[in-house]
Amino acid sequence: AAVDALLFGDVLEVFELPRFQLLLPCVRFGQGSQQRVDHQWSVVLLDHEPPPRRGVDALRLKDRSQLIIGHDSEHPDYGYGPAFDTFKCRFTLLSVFPWTTVVSDTDPLDWIVDALKPLW
């Protein structure tokens, strides 16, 4: 099944993981961009420049995505904390540095621990 995804970064990214490959359509937001996103996304990955915009953009996309993944979520200057505190559900992988956090208002995220077990 196809998954809609939004990646902040290059126009098109290819991710190669041990078991599969993802080709994700991407939308680029420049510094200070107020571009409107009129799409419902399954997954949003926040890993863009400048990093302090990441929390701002998490809030902008909160009602337009099922899952938001924040890369480097240990950095207080990136603005993740206040933004992620507004979500109903939150999971942070602390065992690998840099930290990665997944947040959602629609998914309980109770499946993540089991999904990551093969990687531990």
PDB file of N, CA and C in Angstrom:
ATOM      1  N   ALA A   1       0.841  -1.184   0.000  1.00  0.00           N
ATOM      2  CA  ALA A   1       0.000   0.000   0.000  1.00  0.00           C
ATOM      3  C   ALA A   1       0.880   1.238   0.000  1.00  0.00           C
ATOM      4  N   ALA A   2       0.468   2.227  -0.716  1.00  0.00           N
ATOM      5  CA  ALA A   2       1.230   3.469  -0.796  1.00  0.00           C
ATOM      6  C   ALA A   2       1.036   4.276   0.478  1.00  0.00           C
ATOM      7  N   VAL A   3       2.057   4.962   0.876  1.00  0.00           N
ATOM      8  CA  VAL A   3       2.010   5.821   2.054  1.00  0.00           C
ATOM      9  C   VAL A   3       2.371   7.226   1.618  1.00  0.00           C
ATOM     10  N   ASP A   4       1.502   8.175   1.917  1.00  0.00           N
ATOM     11  CA  ASP A   4       1.838   9.570   1.657  1.00  0.00           C
ATOM     12  C   ASP A   4       2.849   9.998   2.692  1.00  0.00           C
ATOM     13  N   ALA A   5       3.869  10.693   2.266  1.00  0.00           N
ATOM     14  CA  ALA A   5       4.893  11.132   3.212  1.00  0.00           C
ATOM     15  C   ALA A   5       5.380  12.507   2.833  1.00  0.00           C
ATOM     16  N   LEU A   6       5.728  13.274   3.810  1.00  0.00           N
ATOM     17  CA  LEU A   6       6.282  14.603   3.614  1.00  0.00           C
ATOM     18  C   LEU A   6       7.634  14.629   4.293  1.00  0.00           C
ATOM     19  N   LEU A   7       8.651  14.969   3.548  1.00  0.00           N
ATOM     20  CA  LEU A   7       9.996  15.058   4.095  1.00  0.00           C
ATOM     21  C   LEU A   7      10.489  16.466   3.865  1.00  0.00           C
ATOM     22  N   PHE A   8      10.979  17.091   4.912  1.00  0.00           N
ATOM     23  CA  PHE A   8      11.563  18.402   4.756  1.00  0.00           C
ATOM     24  C   PHE A   8      13.005  18.219   4.359  1.00  0.00           C
ATOM     25  N   GLY A   9      13.363  18.625   3.192  1.00  0.00           N
ATOM     26  CA  GLY A   9      14.730  18.453   2.706  1.00  0.00           C
ATOM     27  C   GLY A   9      14.751  18.536   1.206  1.00  0.00           C
ATOM     28  N   ASP A  10      15.373  17.578   0.580  1.00  0.00           N
ATOM     29  CA  ASP A  10      15.474  17.586  -0.865  1.00  0.00           C
ATOM     30  C   ASP A  10      14.121  17.307  -1.501  1.00  0.00           C
ATOM     31  N   VAL A  11      14.054  17.614  -2.791  1.00  0.00           N
ATOM     32  CA  VAL A  11      12.797  17.443  -3.504  1.00  0.00           C
ATOM     33  C   VAL A  11      12.412  15.965  -3.584  1.00  0.00           C
ATOM     34  N   LEU A  12      13.361  15.092  -3.721  1.00  0.00           N
ATOM     35  CA  LEU A  12      13.063  13.667  -3.729  1.00  0.00           C
ATOM     36  C   LEU A  12      14.182  12.942  -3.015  1.00  0.00           C
ATOM     37  N   GLU A  13      13.847  12.088  -2.091  1.00  0.00           N
ATOM     38  CA  GLU A  13      14.835  11.360  -1.301  1.00  0.00           C
ATOM     39  C   GLU A  13      14.613   9.870  -1.465  1.00  0.00           C
ATOM     40  N   VAL A  14      15.684   9.122  -1.504  1.00  0.00           N
ATOM     41  CA  VAL A  14      15.606   7.667  -1.504  1.00  0.00           C
ATOM     42  C   VAL A  14      16.247   7.182  -0.209  1.00  0.00           C
ATOM     43  N   PHE A  15      15.499   6.423   0.557  1.00  0.00           N
ATOM     44  CA  PHE A  15      15.994   5.875   1.801  1.00  0.00           C
ATOM     45  C   PHE A  15      16.180   4.380   1.629  1.00  0.00           C
ATOM     46  N   GLU A  16      17.364   3.906   1.859  1.00  0.00           N
ATOM     47  CA  GLU A  16      17.613   2.479   1.786  1.00  0.00           C
ATOM     48  C   GLU A  16      17.831   1.949   3.192  1.00  0.00           C
ATOM     49  N   LEU A  17      16.942   1.100   3.622  1.00  0.00           N
ATOM     50  CA  LEU A  17      17.015   0.472   4.928  1.00  0.00           C
ATOM     51  C   LEU A  17      17.273  -1.019   4.710  1.00  0.00           C
ATOM     52  N   PRO A  18      17.714  -1.744   5.731  1.00  0.00           N
ATOM     53  CA  PRO A  18      18.101  -3.140   5.538  1.00  0.00           C
ATOM     54  C   PRO A  18      17.062  -4.007   4.829  1.00  0.00           C
ATOM     55  N   ARG A  19      15.796  -3.784   5.104  1.00  0.00           N
ATOM     56  CA  ARG A  19      14.780  -4.678   4.556  1.00  0.00           C
ATOM     57  C   ARG A  19      13.961  -4.078   3.424  1.00  0.00           C
ATOM     58  N   PHE A  20      14.030  -2.784   3.240  1.00  0.00           N
ATOM     59  CA  PHE A  20      13.192  -2.181   2.204  1.00  0.00           C
ATOM     60  C   PHE A  20      13.756  -0.838   1.780  1.00  0.00           C
ATOM     61  N   GLN A  21      13.188  -0.314   0.741  1.00  0.00           N
ATOM     62  CA  GLN A  21      13.610   0.984   0.217  1.00  0.00           C
ATOM     63  C   GLN A  21      12.383   1.867   0.107  1.00  0.00           C
ATOM     64  N   LEU A  22      12.513   3.102   0.532  1.00  0.00           N
ATOM     65  CA  LEU A  22      11.417   4.056   0.445  1.00  0.00           C
ATOM     66  C   LEU A  22      11.787   5.157  -0.523  1.00  0.00           C
ATOM     67  N   LEU A  23      10.875   5.513  -1.371  1.00  0.00           N
ATOM     68  CA  LEU A  23      11.035   6.659  -2.250  1.00  0.00           C
ATOM     69  C   LEU A  23       9.926   7.616  -1.869  1.00  0.00           C
ATOM     70  N   LEU A  24      10.305   8.747  -1.288  1.00  0.00           N
ATOM     71  CA  LEU A  24       9.318   9.646  -0.717  1.00  0.00           C
ATOM     72  C   LEU A  24       9.215  10.952  -1.489  1.00  0.00           C
ATOM     73  N   PRO A  25       7.987  11.380  -1.803  1.00  0.00           N
ATOM     74  CA  PRO A  25       7.837  12.718  -2.355  1.00  0.00           C
ATOM     75  C   PRO A  25       8.107  13.736  -1.252  1.00  0.00           C
ATOM     76  N   CYS A  26       8.713  14.826  -1.598  1.00  0.00           N
ATOM     77  CA  CYS A  26       9.126  15.794  -0.587  1.00  0.00           C
ATOM     78  C   CYS A  26       8.638  17.185  -0.928  1.00  0.00           C
ATOM     79  N   VAL A  27       8.453  17.968   0.092  1.00  0.00           N
ATOM     80  CA  VAL A  27       8.110  19.375  -0.054  1.00  0.00           C
ATOM     81  C   VAL A  27       9.184  20.164   0.659  1.00  0.00           C
ATOM     82  N   ARG A  28       9.691  21.190   0.013  1.00  0.00           N
ATOM     83  CA  ARG A  28      10.758  22.002   0.606  1.00  0.00           C
ATOM     84  C   ARG A  28      10.169  23.285   1.184  1.00  0.00           C
ATOM     85  N   PHE A  29      10.554  23.553   2.421  1.00  0.00           N
ATOM     86  CA  PHE A  29      10.188  24.797   3.070  1.00  0.00           C
ATOM     87  C   PHE A  29      11.456  25.582   3.315  1.00  0.00           C
ATOM     88  N   GLY A  30      11.521  26.785   2.797  1.00  0.00           N
ATOM     89  CA  GLY A  30      12.686  27.624   3.028  1.00  0.00           C
ATOM     90  C   GLY A  30      12.580  28.342   4.361  1.00  0.00           C
ATOM     91  N   GLN A  31      13.667  28.981   4.739  1.00  0.00           N
ATOM     92  CA  GLN A  31      13.681  29.712   6.001  1.00  0.00           C
ATOM     93  C   GLN A  31      12.604  30.780   5.987  1.00  0.00           C
ATOM     94  N   GLY A  32      11.796  30.793   7.020  1.00  0.00           N
ATOM     95  CA  GLY A  32      10.725  31.779   7.129  1.00  0.00           C
ATOM     96  C   GLY A  32       9.549  31.501   6.215  1.00  0.00           C
ATOM     97  N   SER A  33       9.510  30.338   5.597  1.00  0.00           N
ATOM     98  CA  SER A  33       8.444  30.009   4.659  1.00  0.00           C
ATOM     99  C   SER A  33       7.110  29.934   5.372  1.00  0.00           C
ATOM    100  N   GLN A  34       6.103  30.462   4.751  1.00  0.00           N
ATOM    101  CA  GLN A  34       4.746  30.349   5.254  1.00  0.00           C
ATOM    102  C   GLN A  34       3.903  29.534   4.275  1.00  0.00           C
ATOM    103  N   GLN A  35       4.589  28.708   3.468  1.00  0.00           N
ATOM    104  CA  GLN A  35       3.890  27.892   2.489  1.00  0.00           C
ATOM    105  C   GLN A  35       2.801  27.084   3.180  1.00  0.00           C
ATOM    106  N   ARG A  36       1.660  27.018   2.537  1.00  0.00           N
ATOM    107  CA  ARG A  36       0.532  26.298   3.091  1.00  0.00           C
ATOM    108  C   ARG A  36       0.560  24.861   2.596  1.00  0.00           C
ATOM    109  N   VAL A  37       0.294  23.924   3.479  1.00  0.00           N
ATOM    110  CA  VAL A  37       0.272  22.514   3.111  1.00  0.00           C
ATOM    111  C   VAL A  37      -1.171  22.046   3.187  1.00  0.00           C
ATOM    112  N   ASP A  38      -1.801  21.895   2.036  1.00  0.00           N
ATOM    113  CA  ASP A  38      -3.196  21.472   1.977  1.00  0.00           C
ATOM    114  C   ASP A  38      -3.295  20.008   1.593  1.00  0.00           C
ATOM    115  N   HIS A  39      -2.716  19.169   2.401  1.00  0.00           N
ATOM    116  CA  HIS A  39      -2.723  17.746   2.128  1.00  0.00           C
ATOM    117  C   HIS A  39      -2.724  17.015   3.457  1.00  0.00           C
ATOM    118  N   GLN A  40      -3.363  15.869   3.490  1.00  0.00           N
ATOM    119  CA  GLN A  40      -3.339  15.029   4.678  1.00  0.00           C
ATOM    120  C   GLN A  40      -2.204  14.018   4.501  1.00  0.00           C
ATOM    121  N   TRP A  41      -1.234  14.030   5.401  1.00  0.00           N
ATOM    122  CA  TRP A  41      -0.051  13.195   5.287  1.00  0.00           C
ATOM    123  C   TRP A  41      -0.124  12.027   6.253  1.00  0.00           C
ATOM    124  N   SER A  42       0.390  10.880   5.833  1.00  0.00           N
ATOM    125  CA  SER A  42       0.512   9.737   6.732  1.00  0.00           C
ATOM    126  C   SER A  42       1.709   9.928   7.654  1.00  0.00           C
ATOM    127  N   VAL A  43       2.853  10.319   7.066  1.00  0.00           N
ATOM    128  CA  VAL A  43       4.102  10.445   7.820  1.00  0.00           C
ATOM    129  C   VAL A  43       4.792  11.746   7.451  1.00  0.00           C
ATOM    130  N   VAL A  44       5.261  12.458   8.465  1.00  0.00           N
ATOM    131  CA  VAL A  44       6.062  13.665   8.269  1.00  0.00           C
ATOM    132  C   VAL A  44       7.393  13.437   8.983  1.00  0.00           C
ATOM    133  N   LEU A  45       8.497  13.661   8.291  1.00  0.00           N
ATOM    134  CA  LEU A  45       9.826  13.572   8.889  1.00  0.00           C
ATOM    135  C   LEU A  45      10.399  14.975   8.996  1.00  0.00           C
ATOM    136  N   LEU A  46      10.724  15.391  10.215  1.00  0.00           N
ATOM    137  CA  LEU A  46      11.318  16.704  10.448  1.00  0.00           C
ATOM    138  C   LEU A  46      12.819  16.549  10.650  1.00  0.00           C
ATOM    139  N   ASP A  47      13.572  17.007   9.671  1.00  0.00           N
ATOM    140  CA  ASP A  47      15.033  16.916   9.713  1.00  0.00           C
ATOM    141  C   ASP A  47      15.599  17.990   8.792  1.00  0.00           C
ATOM    142  N   HIS A  48      15.070  19.187   8.904  1.00  0.00           N
ATOM    143  CA  HIS A  48      15.388  20.234   7.946  1.00  0.00           C
ATOM    144  C   HIS A  48      16.131  21.399   8.590  1.00  0.00           C
ATOM    145  N   GLU A  49      16.628  22.257   7.748  1.00  0.00           N
ATOM    146  CA  GLU A  49      17.332  23.470   8.159  1.00  0.00           C
ATOM    147  C   GLU A  49      16.392  24.662   8.012  1.00  0.00           C
ATOM    148  N   PRO A  50      16.461  25.645   8.827  1.00  0.00           N
ATOM    149  CA  PRO A  50      17.235  25.675  10.069  1.00  0.00           C
ATOM    150  C   PRO A  50      16.524  24.854  11.143  1.00  0.00           C
ATOM    151  N   PRO A  51      17.276  24.130  11.951  1.00  0.00           N
ATOM    152  CA  PRO A  51      16.666  23.253  12.955  1.00  0.00           C
ATOM    153  C   PRO A  51      15.662  23.929  13.898  1.00  0.00           C
ATOM    154  N   PRO A  52      15.855  25.188  14.309  1.00  0.00           N
ATOM    155  CA  PRO A  52      14.861  25.785  15.208  1.00  0.00           C
ATOM    156  C   PRO A  52      13.456  25.894  14.615  1.00  0.00           C
ATOM    157  N   ARG A  53      13.305  25.702  13.310  1.00  0.00           N
ATOM    158  CA  ARG A  53      11.976  25.720  12.680  1.00  0.00           C
ATOM    159  C   ARG A  53      11.234  24.409  12.869  1.00  0.00           C
ATOM    160  N   ARG A  54      11.912  23.379  13.319  1.00  0.00           N
ATOM    161  CA  ARG A  54      11.292  22.057  13.371  1.00  0.00           C
ATOM    162  C   ARG A  54      10.066  22.022  14.288  1.00  0.00           C
ATOM    163  N   GLY A  55      10.150  22.622  15.459  1.00  0.00           N
ATOM    164  CA  GLY A  55       8.993  22.658  16.357  1.00  0.00           C
ATOM    165  C   GLY A  55       7.849  23.460  15.763  1.00  0.00           C
ATOM    166  N   VAL A  56       8.186  24.576  15.134  1.00  0.00           N
ATOM    167  CA  VAL A  56       7.179  25.422  14.474  1.00  0.00           C
ATOM    168  C   VAL A  56       6.453  24.626  13.396  1.00  0.00           C
ATOM    169  N   ASP A  57       7.228  23.896  12.580  1.00  0.00           N
ATOM    170  CA  ASP A  57       6.622  23.130  11.495  1.00  0.00           C
ATOM    171  C   ASP A  57       5.865  21.912  11.997  1.00  0.00           C
ATOM    172  N   ALA A  58       6.277  21.353  13.124  1.00  0.00           N
ATOM    173  CA  ALA A  58       5.507  20.256  13.727  1.00  0.00           C
ATOM    174  C   ALA A  58       4.104  20.743  14.072  1.00  0.00           C
ATOM    175  N   LEU A  59       4.011  21.933  14.631  1.00  0.00           N
ATOM    176  CA  LEU A  59       2.692  22.498  14.964  1.00  0.00           C
ATOM    177  C   LEU A  59       1.897  22.828  13.711  1.00  0.00           C
ATOM    178  N   ARG A  60       2.571  23.312  12.666  1.00  0.00           N
ATOM    179  CA  ARG A  60       1.880  23.622  11.411  1.00  0.00           C
ATOM    180  C   ARG A  60       1.260  22.384  10.777  1.00  0.00           C
ATOM    181  N   LEU A  61       1.903  21.232  10.987  1.00  0.00           N
ATOM    182  CA  LEU A  61       1.449  20.002  10.342  1.00  0.00           C
ATOM    183  C   LEU A  61       0.721  19.054  11.287  1.00  0.00           C
ATOM    184  N   LYS A  62       0.518  19.467  12.508  1.00  0.00           N
ATOM    185  CA  LYS A  62      -0.099  18.616  13.531  1.00  0.00           C
ATOM    186  C   LYS A  62      -1.456  18.059  13.097  1.00  0.00           C
ATOM    187  N   ASP A  63      -2.304  18.885  12.554  1.00  0.00           N
ATOM    188  CA  ASP A  63      -3.648  18.459  12.163  1.00  0.00           C
ATOM    189  C   ASP A  63      -3.697  17.893  10.747  1.00  0.00           C
ATOM    190  N   ARG A  64      -2.539  17.790  10.101  1.00  0.00           N
ATOM    191  CA  ARG A  64      -2.482  17.309   8.719  1.00  0.00           C
ATOM    192  C   ARG A  64      -1.663  16.035   8.571  1.00  0.00           C
ATOM    193  N   SER A  65      -1.372  15.358   9.681  1.00  0.00           N
ATOM    194  CA  SER A  65      -0.543  14.154   9.591  1.00  0.00           C
ATOM    195  C   SER A  65      -0.946  13.149  10.660  1.00  0.00           C
ATOM    196  N   GLN A  66      -0.715  11.873  10.342  1.00  0.00           N
ATOM    197  CA  GLN A  66      -0.982  10.815  11.313  1.00  0.00           C
ATOM    198  C   GLN A  66       0.207  10.631  12.254  1.00  0.00           C
ATOM    199  N   LEU A  67       1.414  10.663  11.696  1.00  0.00           N
ATOM    200  CA  LEU A  67       2.635  10.516  12.489  1.00  0.00           C
ATOM    201  C   LEU A  67       3.610  11.616  12.113  1.00  0.00           C
ATOM    202  N   ILE A  68       4.248  12.212  13.100  1.00  0.00           N
ATOM    203  CA  ILE A  68       5.337  13.155  12.862  1.00  0.00           C
ATOM    204  C   ILE A  68       6.573  12.591  13.554  1.00  0.00           C
ATOM    205  N   ILE A  69       7.660  12.490  12.794  1.00  0.00           N
ATOM    206  CA  ILE A  69       8.920  11.970  13.315  1.00  0.00           C
ATOM    207  C   ILE A  69       9.897  13.126  13.427  1.00  0.00           C
ATOM    208  N   GLY A  70      10.418  13.339  14.613  1.00  0.00           N
ATOM    209  CA  GLY A  70      11.387  14.412  14.838  1.00  0.00           C
ATOM    210  C   GLY A  70      12.775  13.837  15.039  1.00  0.00           C
ATOM    211  N   HIS A  71      13.678  14.144  14.112  1.00  0.00           N
ATOM    212  CA  HIS A  71      15.070  13.695  14.209  1.00  0.00           C
ATOM    213  C   HIS A  71      15.854  14.679  15.063  1.00  0.00           C
ATOM    214  N   ASP A  72      16.836  14.192  15.833  1.00  0.00           N
ATOM    215  CA  ASP A  72      17.627  15.022  16.752  1.00  0.00           C
ATOM    216  C   ASP A  72      16.741  15.638  17.833  1.00  0.00           C
ATOM    217  N   SER A  73      15.808  14.871  18.348  1.00  0.00           N
ATOM    218  CA  SER A  73      14.824  15.442  19.273  1.00  0.00           C
ATOM    219  C   SER A  73      15.381  15.759  20.653  1.00  0.00           C
ATOM    220  N   GLU A  74      16.649  15.453  20.904  1.00  0.00           N
ATOM    221  CA  GLU A  74      17.263  15.787  22.195  1.00  0.00           C
ATOM    222  C   GLU A  74      17.679  17.254  22.283  1.00  0.00           C
ATOM    223  N   HIS A  75      17.721  17.956  21.158  1.00  0.00           N
ATOM    224  CA  HIS A  75      18.201  19.340  21.140  1.00  0.00           C
ATOM    225  C   HIS A  75      17.106  20.311  21.598  1.00  0.00           C
ATOM    226  N   PRO A  76      17.296  20.985  22.728  1.00  0.00           N
ATOM    227  CA  PRO A  76      16.267  21.912  23.198  1.00  0.00           C
ATOM    228  C   PRO A  76      16.071  23.113  22.274  1.00  0.00           C
ATOM    229  N   ASP A  77      17.095  23.506  21.540  1.00  0.00           N
ATOM    230  CA  ASP A  77      16.986  24.679  20.668  1.00  0.00           C
ATOM    231  C   ASP A  77      16.156  24.428  19.409  1.00  0.00           C
ATOM    232  N   TYR A  78      15.815  23.175  19.144  1.00  0.00           N
ATOM    233  CA  TYR A  78      15.054  22.860  17.926  1.00  0.00           C
ATOM    234  C   TYR A  78      13.555  23.097  18.099  1.00  0.00           C
ATOM    235  N   GLY A  79      13.110  23.349  19.321  1.00  0.00           N
ATOM    236  CA  GLY A  79      11.705  23.670  19.558  1.00  0.00           C
ATOM    237  C   GLY A  79      10.769  22.479  19.581  1.00  0.00           C
ATOM    238  N   TYR A  80      11.331  21.278  19.631  1.00  0.00           N
ATOM    239  CA  TYR A  80      10.475  20.098  19.663  1.00  0.00           C
ATOM    240  C   TYR A  80       9.657  20.005  20.949  1.00  0.00           C
ATOM    241  N   GLY A  81      10.300  20.260  22.095  1.00  0.00           N
ATOM    242  CA  GLY A  81       9.645  20.051  23.385  1.00  0.00           C
ATOM    243  C   GLY A  81       8.273  20.690  23.497  1.00  0.00           C
ATOM    244  N   PRO A  82       8.182  22.010  23.365  1.00  0.00           N
ATOM    245  CA  PRO A  82       6.866  22.652  23.481  1.00  0.00           C
ATOM    246  C   PRO A  82       5.873  22.172  22.420  1.00  0.00           C
ATOM    247  N   ALA A  83       6.367  21.910  21.216  1.00  0.00           N
ATOM    248  CA  ALA A  83       5.472  21.442  20.148  1.00  0.00           C
ATOM    249  C   ALA A  83       4.985  20.027  20.434  1.00  0.00           C
ATOM    250  N   PHE A  84       5.907  19.136  20.770  1.00  0.00           N
ATOM    251  CA  PHE A  84       5.540  17.740  20.995  1.00  0.00           C
ATOM    252  C   PHE A  84       4.678  17.563  22.237  1.00  0.00           C
ATOM    253  N   ASP A  85       4.783  18.472  23.201  1.00  0.00           N
ATOM    254  CA  ASP A  85       3.944  18.404  24.401  1.00  0.00           C
ATOM    255  C   ASP A  85       2.463  18.589  24.085  1.00  0.00           C
ATOM    256  N   THR A  86       2.137  19.116  22.918  1.00  0.00           N
ATOM    257  CA  THR A  86       0.736  19.348  22.544  1.00  0.00           C
ATOM    258  C   THR A  86       0.082  18.112  21.924  1.00  0.00           C
ATOM    259  N   PHE A  87       0.846  17.066  21.624  1.00  0.00           N
ATOM    260  CA  PHE A  87       0.305  15.857  21.008  1.00  0.00           C
ATOM    261  C   PHE A  87      -0.213  14.892  22.063  1.00  0.00           C
ATOM    262  N   LYS A  88      -1.197  14.087  21.697  1.00  0.00           N
ATOM    263  CA  LYS A  88      -1.783  13.104  22.616  1.00  0.00           C
ATOM    264  C   LYS A  88      -0.823  11.958  22.918  1.00  0.00           C
ATOM    265  N   CYS A  89      -0.064  11.511  21.911  1.00  0.00           N
ATOM    266  CA  CYS A  89       0.805  10.356  22.073  1.00  0.00           C
ATOM    267  C   CYS A  89       2.222  10.692  21.637  1.00  0.00           C
ATOM    268  N   ARG A  90       3.185  10.105  22.372  1.00  0.00           N
ATOM    269  CA  ARG A  90       4.596  10.430  22.109  1.00  0.00           C
ATOM    270  C   ARG A  90       5.476   9.232  22.449  1.00  0.00           C
ATOM    271  N   PHE A  91       6.436   8.941  21.582  1.00  0.00           N
ATOM    272  CA  PHE A  91       7.419   7.895  21.827  1.00  0.00           C
ATOM    273  C   PHE A  91       8.791   8.433  21.441  1.00  0.00           C
ATOM    274  N   THR A  92       9.761   8.300  22.330  1.00  0.00           N
ATOM    275  CA  THR A  92      11.129   8.736  22.034  1.00  0.00           C
ATOM    276  C   THR A  92      12.074   7.557  22.181  1.00  0.00           C
ATOM    277  N   LEU A  93      12.858   7.319  21.146  1.00  0.00           N
ATOM    278  CA  LEU A  93      13.879   6.277  21.180  1.00  0.00           C
ATOM    279  C   LEU A  93      15.139   6.896  21.776  1.00  0.00           C
ATOM    280  N   LEU A  94      15.418   6.544  23.029  1.00  0.00           N
ATOM    281  CA  LEU A  94      16.541   7.116  23.765  1.00  0.00           C
ATOM    282  C   LEU A  94      17.803   6.255  23.699  1.00  0.00           C
ATOM    283  N   SER A  95      17.667   5.019  23.250  1.00  0.00           N
ATOM    284  CA  SER A  95      18.792   4.087  23.277  1.00  0.00           C
ATOM    285  C   SER A  95      19.788   4.308  22.140  1.00  0.00           C
ATOM    286  N   VAL A  96      19.433   5.136  21.184  1.00  0.00           N
ATOM    287  CA  VAL A  96      20.302   5.439  20.048  1.00  0.00           C
ATOM    288  C   VAL A  96      20.438   6.950  19.955  1.00  0.00           C
ATOM    289  N   PHE A  97      21.655   7.407  19.789  1.00  0.00           N
ATOM    290  CA  PHE A  97      21.895   8.848  19.656  1.00  0.00           C
ATOM    291  C   PHE A  97      22.189   9.171  18.200  1.00  0.00           C
ATOM    292  N   PRO A  98      21.623  10.189  17.627  1.00  0.00           N
ATOM    293  CA  PRO A  98      20.704  11.159  18.222  1.00  0.00           C
ATOM    294  C   PRO A  98      19.307  10.566  18.436  1.00  0.00           C
ATOM    295  N   TRP A  99      18.571  11.159  19.374  1.00  0.00           N
ATOM    296  CA  TRP A  99      17.235  10.678  19.687  1.00  0.00           C
ATOM    297  C   TRP A  99      16.294  10.926  18.527  1.00  0.00           C
ATOM    298  N   THR A 100      15.281  10.085  18.451  1.00  0.00           N
ATOM    299  CA  THR A 100      14.204  10.259  17.482  1.00  0.00           C
ATOM    300  C   THR A 100      12.890  10.145  18.235  1.00  0.00           C
ATOM    301  N   THR A 101      11.986  11.065  17.973  1.00  0.00           N
ATOM    302  CA  THR A 101      10.680  11.075  18.627  1.00  0.00           C
ATOM    303  C   THR A 101       9.584  10.972  17.586  1.00  0.00           C
ATOM    304  N   VAL A 102       8.564  10.177  17.897  1.00  0.00           N
ATOM    305  CA  VAL A 102       7.369  10.061  17.062  1.00  0.00           C
ATOM    306  C   VAL A 102       6.203  10.575  17.884  1.00  0.00           C
ATOM    307  N   VAL A 103       5.391  11.440  17.277  1.00  0.00           N
ATOM    308  CA  VAL A 103       4.212  11.971  17.952  1.00  0.00           C
ATOM    309  C   VAL A 103       2.991  11.796  17.058  1.00  0.00           C
ATOM    310  N   SER A 104       1.819  11.755  17.706  1.00  0.00           N
ATOM    311  CA  SER A 104       0.577  11.604  16.964  1.00  0.00           C
ATOM    312  C   SER A 104      -0.599  12.010  17.828  1.00  0.00           C
ATOM    313  N   ASP A 105      -1.619  12.525  17.173  1.00  0.00           N
ATOM    314  CA  ASP A 105      -2.899  12.760  17.832  1.00  0.00           C
ATOM    315  C   ASP A 105      -3.908  11.693  17.440  1.00  0.00           C
ATOM    316  N   THR A 106      -3.574  10.860  16.447  1.00  0.00           N
ATOM    317  CA  THR A 106      -4.530   9.882  15.928  1.00  0.00           C
ATOM    318  C   THR A 106      -4.100   8.433  16.129  1.00  0.00           C
ATOM    319  N   ASP A 107      -2.837   8.189  16.428  1.00  0.00           N
ATOM    320  CA  ASP A 107      -2.306   6.833  16.576  1.00  0.00           C
ATOM    321  C   ASP A 107      -1.764   6.683  17.994  1.00  0.00           C
ATOM    322  N   PRO A 108      -2.136   5.598  18.709  1.00  0.00           N
ATOM    323  CA  PRO A 108      -1.663   5.443  20.085  1.00  0.00           C
ATOM    324  C   PRO A 108      -0.168   5.107  20.191  1.00  0.00           C
ATOM    325  N   LEU A 109       0.481   4.777  19.088  1.00  0.00           N
ATOM    326  CA  LEU A 109       1.913   4.470  19.023  1.00  0.00           C
ATOM    327  C   LEU A 109       2.294   3.254  19.860  1.00  0.00           C
ATOM    328  N   ASP A 110       1.316   2.443  20.224  1.00  0.00           N
ATOM    329  CA  ASP A 110       1.592   1.275  21.051  1.00  0.00           C
ATOM    330  C   ASP A 110       2.281   0.139  20.289  1.00  0.00           C
ATOM    331  N   TRP A 111       2.416   0.258  19.022  1.00  0.00           N
ATOM    332  CA  TRP A 111       3.047  -0.751  18.170  1.00  0.00           C
ATOM    333  C   TRP A 111       4.544  -0.517  17.978  1.00  0.00           C
ATOM    334  N   ILE A 112       5.054   0.655  18.329  1.00  0.00           N
ATOM    335  CA  ILE A 112       6.425   1.019  18.003  1.00  0.00           C
ATOM    336  C   ILE A 112       7.452   0.138  18.716  1.00  0.00           C
ATOM    337  N   VAL A 113       7.268  -0.119  19.975  1.00  0.00           N
ATOM    338  CA  VAL A 113       8.254  -0.922  20.713  1.00  0.00           C
ATOM    339  C   VAL A 113       8.427  -2.288  20.064  1.00  0.00           C
ATOM    340  N   ASP A 114       7.312  -2.952  19.732  1.00  0.00           N
ATOM    341  CA  ASP A 114       7.405  -4.266  19.079  1.00  0.00           C
ATOM    342  C   ASP A 114       8.017  -4.152  17.686  1.00  0.00           C
ATOM    343  N   ALA A 115       7.707  -3.086  16.969  1.00  0.00           N
ATOM    344  CA  ALA A 115       8.257  -2.912  15.628  1.00  0.00           C
ATOM    345  C   ALA A 115       9.769  -2.705  15.655  1.00  0.00           C
ATOM    346  N   LEU A 116      10.284  -2.135  16.735  1.00  0.00           N
ATOM    347  CA  LEU A 116      11.723  -1.865  16.833  1.00  0.00           C
ATOM    348  C   LEU A 116      12.518  -3.023  17.423  1.00  0.00           C
ATOM    349  N   LYS A 117      11.877  -3.990  18.012  1.00  0.00           N
ATOM    350  CA  LYS A 117      12.595  -5.093  18.646  1.00  0.00           C
ATOM    351  C   LYS A 117      13.600  -5.791  17.738  1.00  0.00           C
ATOM    352  N   PRO A 118      13.290  -6.047  16.470  1.00  0.00           N
ATOM    353  CA  PRO A 118      14.309  -6.683  15.618  1.00  0.00           C
ATOM    354  C   PRO A 118      15.570  -5.840  15.456  1.00  0.00           C
ATOM    355  N   LEU A 119      15.478  -4.540  15.685  1.00  0.00           N
ATOM    356  CA  LEU A 119      16.621  -3.642  15.532  1.00  0.00           C
ATOM    357  C   LEU A 119      17.459  -3.561  16.805  1.00  0.00           C
ATOM    358  N   TRP A 120      16.925  -3.978  17.933  1.00  0.00           N
ATOM    359  CA  TRP A 120      17.639  -3.879  19.198  1.00  0.00           C
ATOM    360  C   TRP A 120      18.474  -5.082  19.355  1.00  0.00           C
TER     361      TRP A 120
END
